[in-house]
């Protein structure tokens, strides 16, 4: 993907954080949010893929 929108991504992650998925998944979601805040899109994508696997 070439075009990312960190603000939209953070809004979606905020919705995910409304639930408790357990420490491992919560940490991945928090890490993805932190990466988006730093505009590290590849890192955010990698962490979110781990959530899905």
C-alpha atoms as a PDB file:
ATOM      1  CA  UNK A   1       0.000   0.000   0.000  1.00  0.00           C
ATOM      2  CA  UNK A   2       1.408   3.389  -0.905  1.00  0.00           C
ATOM      3  CA  UNK A   3      -0.979   5.761   0.848  1.00  0.00           C
ATOM      4  CA  UNK A   4      -1.405   5.569   4.590  1.00  0.00           C
ATOM      5  CA  UNK A   5      -3.415   7.770   6.892  1.00  0.00           C
ATOM      6  CA  UNK A   6      -2.023   7.558  10.420  1.00  0.00           C
ATOM      7  CA  UNK A   7      -5.007   9.408  11.918  1.00  0.00           C
ATOM      8  CA  UNK A   8      -7.511   6.961  10.449  1.00  0.00           C
ATOM      9  CA  UNK A   9      -5.382   4.040  11.565  1.00  0.00           C
ATOM     10  CA  UNK A  10      -5.235   5.418  15.098  1.00  0.00           C
ATOM     11  CA  UNK A  11      -9.022   5.843  15.135  1.00  0.00           C
ATOM     12  CA  UNK A  12      -9.467   2.188  14.183  1.00  0.00           C
ATOM     13  CA  UNK A  13      -6.943   1.084  16.788  1.00  0.00           C
ATOM     14  CA  UNK A  14      -8.798   3.130  19.414  1.00  0.00           C
ATOM     15  CA  UNK A  15     -11.905   1.084  18.576  1.00  0.00           C
ATOM     16  CA  UNK A  16      -9.923  -2.148  18.951  1.00  0.00           C
ATOM     17  CA  UNK A  17      -8.604  -1.057  22.335  1.00  0.00           C
ATOM     18  CA  UNK A  18     -12.163  -0.878  23.668  1.00  0.00           C
ATOM     19  CA  UNK A  19     -11.919  -4.643  24.216  1.00  0.00           C
ATOM     20  CA  UNK A  20      -9.478  -6.702  26.260  1.00  0.00           C
ATOM     21  CA  UNK A  21      -7.896  -9.344  24.045  1.00  0.00           C
ATOM     22  CA  UNK A  22      -5.279 -10.399  26.560  1.00  0.00           C
ATOM     23  CA  UNK A  23      -1.814  -9.074  27.204  1.00  0.00           C
ATOM     24  CA  UNK A  24      -0.115 -10.430  24.072  1.00  0.00           C
ATOM     25  CA  UNK A  25      -2.669  -9.036  21.602  1.00  0.00           C
ATOM     26  CA  UNK A  26      -3.148  -5.798  23.547  1.00  0.00           C
ATOM     27  CA  UNK A  27       0.620  -5.221  23.444  1.00  0.00           C
ATOM     28  CA  UNK A  28       0.669  -5.775  19.678  1.00  0.00           C
ATOM     29  CA  UNK A  29      -2.187  -3.315  19.201  1.00  0.00           C
ATOM     30  CA  UNK A  30      -0.455  -0.752  21.430  1.00  0.00           C
ATOM     31  CA  UNK A  31       2.767  -1.262  19.497  1.00  0.00           C
ATOM     32  CA  UNK A  32       0.978  -0.675  16.213  1.00  0.00           C
ATOM     33  CA  UNK A  33      -0.480   2.560  17.591  1.00  0.00           C
ATOM     34  CA  UNK A  34       2.951   3.702  18.724  1.00  0.00           C
ATOM     35  CA  UNK A  35       4.401   2.910  15.298  1.00  0.00           C
ATOM     36  CA  UNK A  36       1.663   4.881  13.549  1.00  0.00           C
ATOM     37  CA  UNK A  37       2.320   7.873  15.791  1.00  0.00           C
ATOM     38  CA  UNK A  38       5.943   7.781  14.571  1.00  0.00           C
ATOM     39  CA  UNK A  39       4.823   7.267  10.934  1.00  0.00           C
ATOM     40  CA  UNK A  40       6.503   3.849  10.912  1.00  0.00           C
ATOM     41  CA  UNK A  41       3.877   2.276   8.697  1.00  0.00           C
ATOM     42  CA  UNK A  42       5.723  -0.934   7.859  1.00  0.00           C
ATOM     43  CA  UNK A  43       6.199  -1.676  11.559  1.00  0.00           C
ATOM     44  CA  UNK A  44       2.529  -0.982  12.256  1.00  0.00           C
ATOM     45  CA  UNK A  45       1.443  -3.310   9.449  1.00  0.00           C
ATOM     46  CA  UNK A  46       3.748  -6.065  10.690  1.00  0.00           C
ATOM     47  CA  UNK A  47       2.333  -5.830  14.216  1.00  0.00           C
ATOM     48  CA  UNK A  48      -1.255  -5.831  12.993  1.00  0.00           C
ATOM     49  CA  UNK A  49      -0.618  -8.907  10.852  1.00  0.00           C
ATOM     50  CA  UNK A  50       0.588 -10.648  14.021  1.00  0.00           C
ATOM     51  CA  UNK A  51      -2.731  -9.783  15.669  1.00  0.00           C
ATOM     52  CA  UNK A  52      -4.560 -11.539  12.847  1.00  0.00           C
ATOM     53  CA  UNK A  53      -2.377 -14.648  12.872  1.00  0.00           C
END
